[in-house]
Amino acid sequence: MKSLAGETIVVTGGSQGIGLAIAKNVAAKGAHVLITDIQDGSDAVKEIEDAGGSAEFRKGDVTSEESMRAVFKDTKIDGLVNNAAYFAPLMIPGNLKPFTEITVEEFEKVMSVNTTGVFIATKEAVPSFNEGARIVNISSGTIMKGTPGFFHYIASKAAVVGMTRSMAKELADKKIRVNAIMPGLTASPASLQAGEDRIQQRAEASQIIKRAIQPEDVANVIGFLLSHESGMMTGQVVNVDGGNVFY
């Protein structure tokens, strides 16, 4: 049985990486997937359709209210995954730096996508939600560890946890559930810029499940949180990190 049959799920930043894995997961569950991204998502749509799923792409920038308003215009949706994030440039060797060397412009760039973007996308989506809709926000396991060199990223993703809890309470009367996940370092295209061997080494050093986390591992948990099987979960934060941190 396809648990999301007849529903429409929006995935921000869904054209590649973890976002694409999420889109493919919910499409396989029978949902129509609306991918929105600043990058072209036509290849992602084709991949989903070739596998027998239903998808469409609408160009959208989560840092722009006008852009997000256009994405949701005249559309009724059942789920939103706030996946879009500014991360890949931070993984380029040499870009990690102590917070005392991060410029205000760099800090605000990360916050504008990872924090303000979640706010904007969700705010603009609310009028389009069907009753019983679900939201999944993506934080990061690194907020539990304070990893050096990621001060702006950690600040942005820690904020997402607080936002999730506030959204859950404020949207409960609309029967909208809101949860978040905290993935560990995942072998996505962005992370692989740092080297596949490094990701596996991190897994073996810090996880109790000694293999690299794959985008599909993250997508599987999000698929559950979007499903009606998680109907009594809201305001929660789920760790998906191979047992790196107990939370």
Foldseek 3Di string as FASTA:
>chain_A
DLQQAPFEEEFEVLQFWLNLLLQLVNQVSHYEYEYEYCDDRPVSQVVSVVVVGHYDYDYAALLDLVRLLVSLPPAAGQEYELDWFPDLVLLAPPNQDAPVPQDPVNLVVRLSRLASSVVSNVVSCVVRYDQQGEYEYEAAPCLVPVDGRCVSNSVSRVVVLVVQLVCQVVCVVSNYAGEYEHEYQAPTPSNCSNPPVVQQVCQCVQAPQRGHHYSNLVSVVVSCRRGCVCVPDHSYYHYRYRHRDDD
